Amino acid sequence: MSPTRPPADPPGDDTLDLRVDDLVALLDGDLLDSVAAWGPADTPAGSFRLVPVRLERDLPLLTRWMNDPAVAAFWELAGPDTVTAEHVRAQLEGDGRSVPCLGVLDGTPMSYFEIYRADLDPLARHYPALPHDTGIHLLIGGVTDRGRGVGTTLLRAVADLVLDHRPRCTRVLAEPDIRNTPSVSAFLSGGFRFAAEVDLPDKRAALMIRDRALRHVL
């Protein structure tokens, strides 16, 4: 459930389009700075909430997770805490298009999420984006929480939170590495559908989509 942050393209029409979209998003107030107020979600695994990351509090925990071999294989952020800090700080100091969060289950931080505007991300150049598309990156930090359906439960809960609190968003997206079969399976079980294989600068990804219209069907 690894992140995708393709390198910036040379200035051109695509870059101009993204800048125009950024301006529109700023004017209509539809960035992601309200995630902290989304509140908890009741899930079969317990009470879950997204808590925006604070580096001074959360960096040691995030660095430990990023150095877990199972995580590092796809996130590629293993190393000293400066590596994780640089990745997270780029979002914290950004323009509100991406919010890094701890996933807290029954009061215990056990996962890491990035909620981002997929339609304003370089990812939008690789698929037919719709306005307000919202993306998810996820890692499960604790080994004991892996392989027993917790990821599926959290993906469904977070997608529901996005759809509940972003009324103009018609779908939630993810782009896990196509080789990461446990991740792809978790998205499928969490109500996402496989839409396409997408060649991104750093991986071949499975484009996964959860449609608002099918929220209460799946």
N, C-alpha and C. Protein backbone atom coordinates (compact mmCIF):
# COMPACT_ATOMS: atom_id res chain seq x y z
N MET A 1 0.85 -1.17 0.00
CA MET A 1 0.00 0.00 0.00
C MET A 1 0.89 1.23 0.00
N SER A 2 1.81 1.20 -0.92
CA SER A 2 2.92 2.13 -0.89
C SER A 2 2.56 3.46 -1.52
N PRO A 3 3.35 4.50 -1.19
CA PRO A 3 3.04 5.82 -1.72
C PRO A 3 3.52 5.98 -3.14
N THR A 4 2.92 6.90 -3.86
CA THR A 4 3.40 7.28 -5.17
C THR A 4 3.58 8.78 -5.18
N ARG A 5 4.80 9.22 -5.37
CA ARG A 5 5.08 10.64 -5.52
C ARG A 5 5.99 10.79 -6.71
N PRO A 6 5.45 10.70 -7.95
CA PRO A 6 6.31 10.78 -9.13
C PRO A 6 7.05 12.10 -9.18
N PRO A 7 8.24 12.10 -9.77
CA PRO A 7 8.97 13.35 -9.89
C PRO A 7 8.20 14.34 -10.75
N ALA A 8 8.42 15.61 -10.48
CA ALA A 8 7.70 16.63 -11.24
C ALA A 8 8.11 16.60 -12.70
N ASP A 9 7.14 16.76 -13.59
CA ASP A 9 7.42 16.85 -15.00
C ASP A 9 7.94 18.23 -15.34
N PRO A 10 8.62 18.37 -16.49
CA PRO A 10 9.02 19.71 -16.91
C PRO A 10 7.79 20.58 -17.11
N PRO A 11 7.91 21.90 -16.96
CA PRO A 11 6.76 22.78 -17.14
C PRO A 11 6.09 22.53 -18.47
N GLY A 12 4.80 22.54 -18.48
CA GLY A 12 4.04 22.30 -19.69
C GLY A 12 2.57 22.38 -19.38
N ASP A 13 1.75 21.93 -20.29
CA ASP A 13 0.30 22.06 -20.13
C ASP A 13 -0.19 21.33 -18.90
N ASP A 14 0.34 20.10 -18.64
CA ASP A 14 -0.12 19.33 -17.49
C ASP A 14 0.17 20.10 -16.20
N THR A 15 1.37 20.67 -16.09
CA THR A 15 1.74 21.41 -14.89
C THR A 15 0.83 22.62 -14.72
N LEU A 16 0.56 23.31 -15.82
CA LEU A 16 -0.34 24.46 -15.75
C LEU A 16 -1.71 24.05 -15.28
N ASP A 17 -2.21 22.91 -15.79
CA ASP A 17 -3.53 22.43 -15.38
C ASP A 17 -3.56 22.17 -13.89
N LEU A 18 -2.50 21.55 -13.34
CA LEU A 18 -2.47 21.27 -11.91
C LEU A 18 -2.46 22.57 -11.11
N ARG A 19 -1.75 23.57 -11.58
CA ARG A 19 -1.71 24.83 -10.85
C ARG A 19 -3.08 25.50 -10.84
N VAL A 20 -3.77 25.44 -11.96
CA VAL A 20 -5.12 26.00 -12.01
C VAL A 20 -6.03 25.25 -11.05
N ASP A 21 -5.94 23.91 -11.04
CA ASP A 21 -6.76 23.12 -10.12
C ASP A 21 -6.43 23.45 -8.67
N ASP A 22 -5.13 23.65 -8.38
CA ASP A 22 -4.74 24.02 -7.02
C ASP A 22 -5.42 25.32 -6.60
N LEU A 23 -5.42 26.31 -7.50
CA LEU A 23 -6.03 27.59 -7.18
C LEU A 23 -7.52 27.43 -6.93
N VAL A 24 -8.18 26.65 -7.78
CA VAL A 24 -9.61 26.41 -7.60
C VAL A 24 -9.87 25.75 -6.25
N ALA A 25 -9.04 24.76 -5.90
CA ALA A 25 -9.22 24.06 -4.63
C ALA A 25 -9.05 25.02 -3.46
N LEU A 26 -8.07 25.90 -3.54
CA LEU A 26 -7.86 26.86 -2.46
C LEU A 26 -9.06 27.81 -2.33
N LEU A 27 -9.60 28.20 -3.45
CA LEU A 27 -10.72 29.13 -3.43
C LEU A 27 -12.00 28.49 -2.92
N ASP A 28 -12.21 27.20 -3.25
CA ASP A 28 -13.47 26.59 -2.82
C ASP A 28 -13.35 25.87 -1.48
N GLY A 29 -12.15 25.95 -0.85
CA GLY A 29 -11.98 25.39 0.49
C GLY A 29 -12.08 23.89 0.55
N ASP A 30 -11.76 23.21 -0.55
CA ASP A 30 -11.96 21.77 -0.57
C ASP A 30 -10.65 21.01 -0.46
N LEU A 31 -9.70 21.54 0.28
CA LEU A 31 -8.50 20.79 0.59
C LEU A 31 -8.78 19.91 1.80
N LEU A 32 -7.74 19.33 2.38
CA LEU A 32 -7.94 18.25 3.34
C LEU A 32 -7.58 18.64 4.77
N ASP A 33 -7.65 19.92 5.10
CA ASP A 33 -7.19 20.34 6.41
C ASP A 33 -8.19 20.05 7.53
N SER A 34 -9.32 19.41 7.22
CA SER A 34 -10.32 19.13 8.25
C SER A 34 -10.29 17.68 8.73
N VAL A 35 -9.31 16.90 8.30
CA VAL A 35 -9.27 15.49 8.66
C VAL A 35 -9.30 15.29 10.17
N ALA A 36 -8.65 16.17 10.91
CA ALA A 36 -8.60 16.04 12.37
C ALA A 36 -9.98 16.07 13.00
N ALA A 37 -10.93 16.68 12.31
CA ALA A 37 -12.28 16.82 12.87
C ALA A 37 -13.24 15.74 12.39
N TRP A 38 -12.75 14.76 11.67
CA TRP A 38 -13.64 13.73 11.12
C TRP A 38 -14.24 12.84 12.20
N GLY A 39 -13.57 12.70 13.32
CA GLY A 39 -14.12 11.90 14.40
C GLY A 39 -13.89 10.41 14.22
N PRO A 40 -14.33 9.62 15.20
CA PRO A 40 -14.07 8.17 15.17
C PRO A 40 -15.05 7.41 14.29
N ALA A 41 -14.66 6.20 13.93
CA ALA A 41 -15.52 5.28 13.20
C ALA A 41 -15.60 3.98 13.99
N ASP A 42 -16.78 3.49 14.18
CA ASP A 42 -16.95 2.18 14.83
C ASP A 42 -16.73 1.09 13.80
N THR A 43 -15.82 0.17 14.09
CA THR A 43 -15.52 -0.92 13.16
C THR A 43 -15.57 -2.24 13.92
N PRO A 44 -15.63 -3.37 13.20
CA PRO A 44 -15.59 -4.67 13.87
C PRO A 44 -14.32 -4.90 14.68
N ALA A 45 -13.26 -4.13 14.36
CA ALA A 45 -12.00 -4.29 15.09
C ALA A 45 -11.91 -3.36 16.29
N GLY A 46 -12.83 -2.39 16.42
CA GLY A 46 -12.80 -1.45 17.52
C GLY A 46 -13.04 -0.03 17.03
N SER A 47 -12.88 0.93 17.92
CA SER A 47 -13.07 2.34 17.57
C SER A 47 -11.82 2.86 16.89
N PHE A 48 -12.00 3.42 15.71
CA PHE A 48 -10.86 3.83 14.88
C PHE A 48 -10.99 5.30 14.55
N ARG A 49 -9.84 5.99 14.57
CA ARG A 49 -9.84 7.39 14.11
C ARG A 49 -8.51 7.73 13.47
N LEU A 50 -8.55 8.73 12.60
CA LEU A 50 -7.35 9.27 11.98
C LEU A 50 -6.87 10.46 12.80
N VAL A 51 -5.59 10.45 13.15
CA VAL A 51 -4.98 11.54 13.92
C VAL A 51 -3.83 12.11 13.10
N PRO A 52 -3.95 13.34 12.63
CA PRO A 52 -2.86 13.93 11.84
C PRO A 52 -1.51 13.83 12.56
N VAL A 53 -0.49 13.51 11.79
CA VAL A 53 0.85 13.29 12.34
C VAL A 53 1.44 14.60 12.87
N ARG A 54 2.11 14.49 14.02
CA ARG A 54 2.98 15.53 14.54
C ARG A 54 4.38 14.93 14.63
N LEU A 55 5.31 15.46 13.86
CA LEU A 55 6.63 14.85 13.77
C LEU A 55 7.33 14.76 15.12
N GLU A 56 7.22 15.80 15.95
CA GLU A 56 7.93 15.78 17.23
C GLU A 56 7.40 14.67 18.13
N ARG A 57 6.20 14.23 17.91
CA ARG A 57 5.60 13.16 18.70
C ARG A 57 5.72 11.79 18.03
N ASP A 58 5.58 11.75 16.72
CA ASP A 58 5.35 10.48 16.03
C ASP A 58 6.53 9.95 15.22
N LEU A 59 7.58 10.75 15.06
CA LEU A 59 8.68 10.33 14.18
C LEU A 59 9.33 9.02 14.61
N PRO A 60 9.64 8.78 15.89
CA PRO A 60 10.27 7.49 16.24
C PRO A 60 9.41 6.29 15.86
N LEU A 61 8.11 6.38 16.09
CA LEU A 61 7.22 5.27 15.75
C LEU A 61 7.17 5.06 14.23
N LEU A 62 7.03 6.13 13.47
CA LEU A 62 6.96 6.01 12.02
C LEU A 62 8.27 5.46 11.45
N THR A 63 9.39 5.91 12.00
CA THR A 63 10.69 5.41 11.52
C THR A 63 10.82 3.92 11.78
N ARG A 64 10.37 3.48 12.94
CA ARG A 64 10.43 2.04 13.25
C ARG A 64 9.59 1.25 12.26
N TRP A 65 8.40 1.74 11.95
CA TRP A 65 7.55 1.04 10.99
C TRP A 65 8.19 1.03 9.59
N MET A 66 8.76 2.15 9.18
CA MET A 66 9.36 2.22 7.84
C MET A 66 10.56 1.30 7.69
N ASN A 67 11.17 0.93 8.81
CA ASN A 67 12.32 0.02 8.76
C ASN A 67 11.94 -1.45 8.91
N ASP A 68 10.68 -1.73 9.05
CA ASP A 68 10.22 -3.12 9.01
C ASP A 68 10.39 -3.62 7.58
N PRO A 69 11.05 -4.75 7.36
CA PRO A 69 11.31 -5.21 6.00
C PRO A 69 10.06 -5.34 5.13
N ALA A 70 8.95 -5.78 5.72
CA ALA A 70 7.72 -5.94 4.93
C ALA A 70 7.19 -4.59 4.45
N VAL A 71 7.39 -3.54 5.24
CA VAL A 71 6.97 -2.19 4.85
C VAL A 71 7.98 -1.59 3.89
N ALA A 72 9.26 -1.73 4.22
CA ALA A 72 10.31 -1.10 3.41
C ALA A 72 10.32 -1.62 1.98
N ALA A 73 9.88 -2.85 1.77
CA ALA A 73 9.89 -3.43 0.43
C ALA A 73 9.06 -2.63 -0.55
N PHE A 74 8.02 -1.94 -0.06
CA PHE A 74 7.15 -1.19 -0.96
C PHE A 74 7.18 0.31 -0.71
N TRP A 75 7.41 0.74 0.53
CA TRP A 75 7.46 2.17 0.80
C TRP A 75 8.84 2.75 0.49
N GLU A 76 9.89 1.94 0.60
CA GLU A 76 11.25 2.34 0.26
C GLU A 76 11.70 3.57 1.06
N LEU A 77 11.39 3.57 2.36
CA LEU A 77 11.78 4.67 3.24
C LEU A 77 12.59 4.17 4.44
N ALA A 78 13.21 3.01 4.29
CA ALA A 78 14.05 2.51 5.37
C ALA A 78 15.28 3.40 5.53
N GLY A 79 15.80 3.44 6.77
CA GLY A 79 16.98 4.25 7.03
C GLY A 79 16.80 5.06 8.30
N PRO A 80 17.64 6.06 8.52
CA PRO A 80 17.55 6.88 9.74
C PRO A 80 16.27 7.71 9.75
N ASP A 81 15.98 8.30 10.89
CA ASP A 81 14.73 9.05 11.01
C ASP A 81 14.65 10.25 10.07
N THR A 82 15.78 10.71 9.59
CA THR A 82 15.75 11.83 8.65
C THR A 82 15.07 11.46 7.34
N VAL A 83 15.14 10.19 6.96
CA VAL A 83 14.49 9.74 5.72
C VAL A 83 12.97 9.83 5.86
N THR A 84 12.46 9.29 6.96
CA THR A 84 11.01 9.37 7.21
C THR A 84 10.58 10.81 7.41
N ALA A 85 11.37 11.58 8.14
CA ALA A 85 11.01 12.97 8.43
C ALA A 85 10.90 13.78 7.14
N GLU A 86 11.80 13.57 6.21
CA GLU A 86 11.75 14.31 4.95
C GLU A 86 10.48 13.98 4.17
N HIS A 87 10.12 12.69 4.15
CA HIS A 87 8.92 12.27 3.44
C HIS A 87 7.67 12.89 4.06
N VAL A 88 7.56 12.83 5.37
CA VAL A 88 6.36 13.35 6.05
C VAL A 88 6.33 14.86 6.03
N ARG A 89 7.48 15.49 6.23
CA ARG A 89 7.51 16.95 6.30
C ARG A 89 7.07 17.58 4.97
N ALA A 90 7.38 16.93 3.87
CA ALA A 90 6.97 17.45 2.56
C ALA A 90 5.45 17.59 2.49
N GLN A 91 4.73 16.71 3.17
CA GLN A 91 3.28 16.81 3.18
C GLN A 91 2.80 17.83 4.22
N LEU A 92 3.42 17.82 5.40
CA LEU A 92 3.00 18.75 6.45
C LEU A 92 3.23 20.20 6.04
N GLU A 93 4.24 20.45 5.24
CA GLU A 93 4.56 21.81 4.83
C GLU A 93 3.99 22.12 3.45
N GLY A 94 3.15 21.24 2.94
CA GLY A 94 2.56 21.43 1.63
C GLY A 94 1.36 22.35 1.67
N ASP A 95 0.52 22.22 0.67
CA ASP A 95 -0.59 23.15 0.51
C ASP A 95 -1.94 22.53 0.84
N GLY A 96 -1.92 21.46 1.64
CA GLY A 96 -3.18 20.85 2.06
C GLY A 96 -3.71 19.79 1.13
N ARG A 97 -2.91 19.37 0.14
CA ARG A 97 -3.39 18.34 -0.78
C ARG A 97 -3.17 16.93 -0.24
N SER A 98 -2.36 16.79 0.81
CA SER A 98 -2.08 15.48 1.38
C SER A 98 -1.93 15.63 2.89
N VAL A 99 -2.56 14.72 3.63
CA VAL A 99 -2.51 14.77 5.09
C VAL A 99 -2.01 13.42 5.61
N PRO A 100 -0.83 13.38 6.24
CA PRO A 100 -0.33 12.14 6.85
C PRO A 100 -0.97 11.95 8.22
N CYS A 101 -1.44 10.75 8.49
CA CYS A 101 -2.17 10.48 9.73
C CYS A 101 -1.74 9.16 10.36
N LEU A 102 -1.77 9.11 11.68
CA LEU A 102 -1.74 7.85 12.39
C LEU A 102 -3.14 7.25 12.37
N GLY A 103 -3.22 5.95 12.18
CA GLY A 103 -4.47 5.24 12.37
C GLY A 103 -4.49 4.69 13.78
N VAL A 104 -5.42 5.16 14.60
CA VAL A 104 -5.46 4.82 16.01
C VAL A 104 -6.67 3.93 16.28
N LEU A 105 -6.41 2.71 16.75
CA LEU A 105 -7.45 1.73 17.00
C LEU A 105 -7.57 1.49 18.50
N ASP A 106 -8.74 1.79 19.04
CA ASP A 106 -8.97 1.67 20.49
C ASP A 106 -7.86 2.34 21.29
N GLY A 107 -7.47 3.53 20.83
CA GLY A 107 -6.49 4.34 21.54
C GLY A 107 -5.04 4.03 21.25
N THR A 108 -4.77 3.01 20.42
CA THR A 108 -3.39 2.61 20.12
C THR A 108 -3.02 2.92 18.68
N PRO A 109 -1.98 3.72 18.45
CA PRO A 109 -1.51 3.95 17.08
C PRO A 109 -0.98 2.64 16.49
N MET A 110 -1.53 2.21 15.35
CA MET A 110 -1.13 0.92 14.79
C MET A 110 -1.04 0.93 13.26
N SER A 111 -1.23 2.08 12.65
CA SER A 111 -1.16 2.16 11.20
C SER A 111 -0.86 3.60 10.78
N TYR A 112 -0.50 3.74 9.53
CA TYR A 112 -0.18 5.05 8.98
C TYR A 112 -0.93 5.23 7.68
N PHE A 113 -1.61 6.36 7.55
CA PHE A 113 -2.38 6.67 6.35
C PHE A 113 -1.91 8.00 5.77
N GLU A 114 -1.98 8.09 4.46
CA GLU A 114 -1.88 9.37 3.77
C GLU A 114 -3.16 9.55 2.97
N ILE A 115 -3.89 10.61 3.28
CA ILE A 115 -5.11 10.94 2.56
C ILE A 115 -4.77 12.10 1.64
N TYR A 116 -5.00 11.95 0.34
CA TYR A 116 -4.53 12.98 -0.58
C TYR A 116 -5.51 13.22 -1.72
N ARG A 117 -5.44 14.42 -2.27
CA ARG A 117 -6.25 14.78 -3.43
C ARG A 117 -5.63 14.14 -4.66
N ALA A 118 -6.17 13.01 -5.08
CA ALA A 118 -5.61 12.30 -6.24
C ALA A 118 -5.75 13.12 -7.51
N ASP A 119 -6.81 13.90 -7.60
CA ASP A 119 -7.01 14.69 -8.82
C ASP A 119 -6.04 15.85 -8.95
N LEU A 120 -5.37 16.23 -7.86
CA LEU A 120 -4.38 17.30 -7.89
C LEU A 120 -2.96 16.77 -7.75
N ASP A 121 -2.82 15.46 -7.76
CA ASP A 121 -1.54 14.79 -7.60
C ASP A 121 -0.99 14.42 -8.98
N PRO A 122 0.35 14.27 -9.11
CA PRO A 122 0.88 13.78 -10.38
C PRO A 122 0.26 12.47 -10.85
N LEU A 123 -0.31 11.68 -9.91
CA LEU A 123 -1.01 10.46 -10.30
C LEU A 123 -2.09 10.74 -11.33
N ALA A 124 -2.71 11.91 -11.28
CA ALA A 124 -3.82 12.24 -12.18
C ALA A 124 -3.40 12.23 -13.65
N ARG A 125 -2.11 12.29 -13.91
CA ARG A 125 -1.64 12.24 -15.29
C ARG A 125 -1.62 10.82 -15.84
N HIS A 126 -1.91 9.85 -14.98
CA HIS A 126 -1.79 8.45 -15.39
C HIS A 126 -3.12 7.71 -15.39
N TYR A 127 -4.22 8.43 -15.14
CA TYR A 127 -5.54 7.80 -15.21
C TYR A 127 -6.57 8.90 -15.46
N PRO A 128 -7.77 8.58 -15.91
CA PRO A 128 -8.79 9.61 -16.17
C PRO A 128 -9.39 10.14 -14.87
N ALA A 129 -8.76 11.15 -14.31
CA ALA A 129 -9.16 11.67 -13.00
C ALA A 129 -10.48 12.42 -13.08
N LEU A 130 -11.20 12.38 -11.96
CA LEU A 130 -12.42 13.16 -11.79
C LEU A 130 -12.19 14.19 -10.69
N PRO A 131 -12.88 15.33 -10.73
CA PRO A 131 -12.72 16.33 -9.68
C PRO A 131 -13.00 15.74 -8.29
N HIS A 132 -12.14 16.07 -7.35
CA HIS A 132 -12.27 15.67 -5.95
C HIS A 132 -11.96 14.19 -5.69
N ASP A 133 -11.42 13.46 -6.67
CA ASP A 133 -10.92 12.11 -6.39
C ASP A 133 -9.99 12.18 -5.18
N THR A 134 -10.14 11.25 -4.27
CA THR A 134 -9.34 11.25 -3.04
C THR A 134 -8.60 9.92 -2.94
N GLY A 135 -7.30 9.98 -2.69
CA GLY A 135 -6.49 8.78 -2.63
C GLY A 135 -6.10 8.39 -1.22
N ILE A 136 -5.73 7.12 -1.07
CA ILE A 136 -5.30 6.56 0.22
C ILE A 136 -4.00 5.80 0.03
N HIS A 137 -3.03 6.05 0.91
CA HIS A 137 -1.89 5.16 1.11
C HIS A 137 -1.99 4.61 2.53
N LEU A 138 -1.58 3.38 2.71
CA LEU A 138 -1.73 2.73 4.02
C LEU A 138 -0.58 1.79 4.30
N LEU A 139 -0.13 1.79 5.55
CA LEU A 139 0.70 0.70 6.04
C LEU A 139 0.18 0.29 7.42
N ILE A 140 0.24 -1.00 7.69
CA ILE A 140 -0.09 -1.53 9.01
C ILE A 140 1.22 -1.67 9.77
N GLY A 141 1.34 -0.98 10.89
CA GLY A 141 2.60 -0.94 11.61
C GLY A 141 2.89 -2.19 12.42
N GLY A 142 1.89 -2.69 13.12
CA GLY A 142 2.13 -3.83 14.00
C GLY A 142 2.01 -5.16 13.28
N VAL A 143 3.01 -6.00 13.45
CA VAL A 143 3.00 -7.31 12.79
C VAL A 143 1.77 -8.12 13.19
N THR A 144 1.35 -8.00 14.45
CA THR A 144 0.21 -8.80 14.92
C THR A 144 -1.10 -8.35 14.29
N ASP A 145 -1.12 -7.17 13.68
CA ASP A 145 -2.34 -6.69 13.02
C ASP A 145 -2.39 -7.04 11.54
N ARG A 146 -1.37 -7.71 11.05
CA ARG A 146 -1.33 -8.07 9.63
C ARG A 146 -1.85 -9.48 9.41
N GLY A 147 -2.45 -9.67 8.26
CA GLY A 147 -2.85 -11.01 7.84
C GLY A 147 -4.08 -11.56 8.53
N ARG A 148 -4.84 -10.71 9.22
CA ARG A 148 -6.05 -11.21 9.87
C ARG A 148 -7.27 -10.33 9.59
N GLY A 149 -7.19 -9.57 8.49
CA GLY A 149 -8.34 -8.81 8.05
C GLY A 149 -8.45 -7.40 8.60
N VAL A 150 -7.50 -6.98 9.44
CA VAL A 150 -7.59 -5.64 10.01
C VAL A 150 -7.42 -4.57 8.92
N GLY A 151 -6.49 -4.81 8.00
CA GLY A 151 -6.29 -3.85 6.91
C GLY A 151 -7.55 -3.63 6.10
N THR A 152 -8.24 -4.72 5.80
CA THR A 152 -9.50 -4.61 5.06
C THR A 152 -10.52 -3.78 5.83
N THR A 153 -10.63 -4.04 7.13
CA THR A 153 -11.57 -3.29 7.96
C THR A 153 -11.24 -1.80 7.97
N LEU A 154 -9.96 -1.47 8.09
CA LEU A 154 -9.57 -0.06 8.15
C LEU A 154 -9.74 0.63 6.81
N LEU A 155 -9.46 -0.07 5.72
CA LEU A 155 -9.65 0.53 4.40
C LEU A 155 -11.11 0.88 4.16
N ARG A 156 -11.99 0.00 4.56
CA ARG A 156 -13.42 0.28 4.41
C ARG A 156 -13.82 1.47 5.29
N ALA A 157 -13.31 1.50 6.52
CA ALA A 157 -13.65 2.59 7.44
C ALA A 157 -13.14 3.93 6.93
N VAL A 158 -11.90 3.97 6.45
CA VAL A 158 -11.34 5.23 5.98
C VAL A 158 -12.03 5.69 4.71
N ALA A 159 -12.32 4.78 3.81
CA ALA A 159 -13.07 5.16 2.60
C ALA A 159 -14.42 5.75 2.98
N ASP A 160 -15.09 5.16 3.95
CA ASP A 160 -16.37 5.70 4.41
C ASP A 160 -16.20 7.09 5.02
N LEU A 161 -15.13 7.28 5.81
CA LEU A 161 -14.88 8.61 6.38
C LEU A 161 -14.69 9.65 5.28
N VAL A 162 -13.93 9.30 4.27
CA VAL A 162 -13.71 10.22 3.16
C VAL A 162 -15.04 10.57 2.50
N LEU A 163 -15.84 9.56 2.18
CA LEU A 163 -17.11 9.81 1.49
C LEU A 163 -18.10 10.56 2.38
N ASP A 164 -18.06 10.32 3.68
CA ASP A 164 -18.95 11.02 4.60
C ASP A 164 -18.61 12.51 4.70
N HIS A 165 -17.31 12.82 4.68
CA HIS A 165 -16.88 14.18 4.97
C HIS A 165 -16.45 14.97 3.74
N ARG A 166 -16.44 14.33 2.60
CA ARG A 166 -16.10 15.02 1.35
C ARG A 166 -17.23 14.77 0.34
N PRO A 167 -18.33 15.50 0.47
CA PRO A 167 -19.52 15.20 -0.32
C PRO A 167 -19.33 15.32 -1.82
N ARG A 168 -18.34 16.11 -2.27
CA ARG A 168 -18.11 16.23 -3.70
C ARG A 168 -17.20 15.14 -4.25
N CYS A 169 -16.66 14.33 -3.37
CA CYS A 169 -15.84 13.20 -3.80
C CYS A 169 -16.74 12.03 -4.17
N THR A 170 -16.65 11.56 -5.40
CA THR A 170 -17.49 10.45 -5.85
C THR A 170 -16.79 9.11 -5.78
N ARG A 171 -15.48 9.12 -5.50
CA ARG A 171 -14.77 7.84 -5.43
C ARG A 171 -13.45 8.02 -4.69
N VAL A 172 -13.04 6.94 -4.05
CA VAL A 172 -11.78 6.88 -3.32
C VAL A 172 -10.86 5.94 -4.08
N LEU A 173 -9.59 6.33 -4.23
CA LEU A 173 -8.65 5.57 -5.04
C LEU A 173 -7.45 5.10 -4.24
N ALA A 174 -6.80 4.08 -4.78
CA ALA A 174 -5.51 3.64 -4.26
C ALA A 174 -4.72 3.06 -5.42
N GLU A 175 -3.40 3.00 -5.26
CA GLU A 175 -2.56 2.47 -6.35
C GLU A 175 -1.43 1.62 -5.76
N PRO A 176 -1.78 0.51 -5.09
CA PRO A 176 -0.73 -0.36 -4.56
C PRO A 176 0.09 -1.00 -5.68
N ASP A 177 1.31 -1.34 -5.35
CA ASP A 177 2.17 -2.06 -6.27
C ASP A 177 1.47 -3.36 -6.68
N ILE A 178 1.45 -3.64 -7.97
CA ILE A 178 0.74 -4.82 -8.47
C ILE A 178 1.33 -6.10 -7.88
N ARG A 179 2.60 -6.06 -7.45
CA ARG A 179 3.23 -7.24 -6.86
C ARG A 179 2.81 -7.46 -5.41
N ASN A 180 2.21 -6.45 -4.81
CA ASN A 180 1.84 -6.53 -3.40
C ASN A 180 0.46 -7.17 -3.29
N THR A 181 0.42 -8.48 -3.49
CA THR A 181 -0.87 -9.17 -3.56
C THR A 181 -1.68 -9.08 -2.26
N PRO A 182 -1.06 -9.12 -1.07
CA PRO A 182 -1.88 -8.93 0.14
C PRO A 182 -2.58 -7.58 0.17
N SER A 183 -1.89 -6.55 -0.30
CA SER A 183 -2.49 -5.22 -0.33
C SER A 183 -3.65 -5.17 -1.31
N VAL A 184 -3.43 -5.66 -2.51
CA VAL A 184 -4.50 -5.66 -3.51
C VAL A 184 -5.71 -6.44 -3.00
N SER A 185 -5.46 -7.57 -2.37
CA SER A 185 -6.55 -8.38 -1.82
C SER A 185 -7.31 -7.64 -0.75
N ALA A 186 -6.58 -6.89 0.11
CA ALA A 186 -7.24 -6.13 1.18
C ALA A 186 -8.15 -5.06 0.60
N PHE A 187 -7.70 -4.38 -0.45
CA PHE A 187 -8.55 -3.37 -1.08
C PHE A 187 -9.80 -4.01 -1.68
N LEU A 188 -9.63 -5.12 -2.36
CA LEU A 188 -10.79 -5.79 -2.95
C LEU A 188 -11.79 -6.20 -1.88
N SER A 189 -11.30 -6.73 -0.78
CA SER A 189 -12.18 -7.15 0.31
C SER A 189 -12.80 -5.94 1.02
N GLY A 190 -12.16 -4.77 0.91
CA GLY A 190 -12.65 -3.57 1.57
C GLY A 190 -13.61 -2.76 0.72
N GLY A 191 -14.10 -3.34 -0.39
CA GLY A 191 -15.11 -2.66 -1.19
C GLY A 191 -14.58 -1.91 -2.39
N PHE A 192 -13.26 -2.00 -2.64
CA PHE A 192 -12.69 -1.39 -3.83
C PHE A 192 -12.79 -2.36 -4.99
N ARG A 193 -12.76 -1.82 -6.20
CA ARG A 193 -12.73 -2.65 -7.40
C ARG A 193 -11.42 -2.39 -8.14
N PHE A 194 -10.96 -3.41 -8.83
CA PHE A 194 -9.77 -3.27 -9.66
C PHE A 194 -10.18 -2.58 -10.95
N ALA A 195 -9.55 -1.43 -11.25
CA ALA A 195 -9.92 -0.67 -12.44
C ALA A 195 -8.94 -0.85 -13.59
N ALA A 196 -7.64 -0.94 -13.29
CA ALA A 196 -6.65 -1.03 -14.36
C ALA A 196 -5.28 -1.25 -13.77
N GLU A 197 -4.34 -1.68 -14.60
CA GLU A 197 -2.93 -1.63 -14.26
C GLU A 197 -2.37 -0.33 -14.83
N VAL A 198 -1.59 0.36 -14.02
CA VAL A 198 -1.09 1.69 -14.39
C VAL A 198 0.42 1.71 -14.24
N ASP A 199 1.10 2.16 -15.28
CA ASP A 199 2.56 2.31 -15.22
C ASP A 199 2.89 3.68 -14.64
N LEU A 200 3.42 3.68 -13.41
CA LEU A 200 3.85 4.90 -12.74
C LEU A 200 5.38 4.99 -12.80
N PRO A 201 5.95 6.14 -12.52
CA PRO A 201 7.41 6.27 -12.62
C PRO A 201 8.18 5.28 -11.77
N ASP A 202 7.61 4.88 -10.61
CA ASP A 202 8.38 4.03 -9.71
C ASP A 202 7.82 2.62 -9.54
N LYS A 203 6.73 2.30 -10.24
CA LYS A 203 6.15 0.96 -10.07
C LYS A 203 5.04 0.74 -11.09
N ARG A 204 4.66 -0.51 -11.25
CA ARG A 204 3.43 -0.85 -11.96
C ARG A 204 2.37 -1.07 -10.89
N ALA A 205 1.30 -0.31 -10.96
CA ALA A 205 0.33 -0.26 -9.89
C ALA A 205 -1.01 -0.84 -10.31
N ALA A 206 -1.73 -1.33 -9.31
CA ALA A 206 -3.12 -1.73 -9.49
C ALA A 206 -3.98 -0.54 -9.08
N LEU A 207 -4.70 0.05 -10.02
CA LEU A 207 -5.58 1.16 -9.70
C LEU A 207 -6.86 0.60 -9.10
N MET A 208 -7.09 0.91 -7.83
CA MET A 208 -8.24 0.41 -7.09
C MET A 208 -9.19 1.58 -6.82
N ILE A 209 -10.49 1.35 -7.00
CA ILE A 209 -11.48 2.42 -6.86
C ILE A 209 -12.64 1.95 -6.00
N ARG A 210 -13.02 2.79 -5.06
CA ARG A 210 -14.25 2.57 -4.30
C ARG A 210 -15.24 3.66 -4.68
N ASP A 211 -16.34 3.28 -5.31
CA ASP A 211 -17.31 4.23 -5.83
C ASP A 211 -18.35 4.58 -4.77
N ARG A 212 -18.66 5.86 -4.67
CA ARG A 212 -19.70 6.28 -3.75
C ARG A 212 -21.02 5.57 -4.07
N ALA A 213 -21.32 5.43 -5.35
CA ALA A 213 -22.60 4.84 -5.76
C ALA A 213 -22.76 3.40 -5.28
N LEU A 214 -21.62 2.73 -5.04
CA LEU A 214 -21.67 1.32 -4.62
C LEU A 214 -21.38 1.15 -3.14
N ARG A 215 -21.32 2.25 -2.41
CA ARG A 215 -20.90 2.18 -1.01
C ARG A 215 -21.77 1.22 -0.21
N HIS A 216 -23.06 1.25 -0.36
CA HIS A 216 -23.96 0.43 0.44
C HIS A 216 -24.33 -0.88 -0.24
N VAL A 217 -23.64 -1.14 -1.36
CA VAL A 217 -23.89 -2.39 -2.08
C VAL A 217 -22.83 -3.42 -1.73
N LEU A 218 -21.56 -2.94 -1.63
CA LEU A 218 -20.43 -3.84 -1.40
C LEU A 218 -20.21 -4.09 0.08
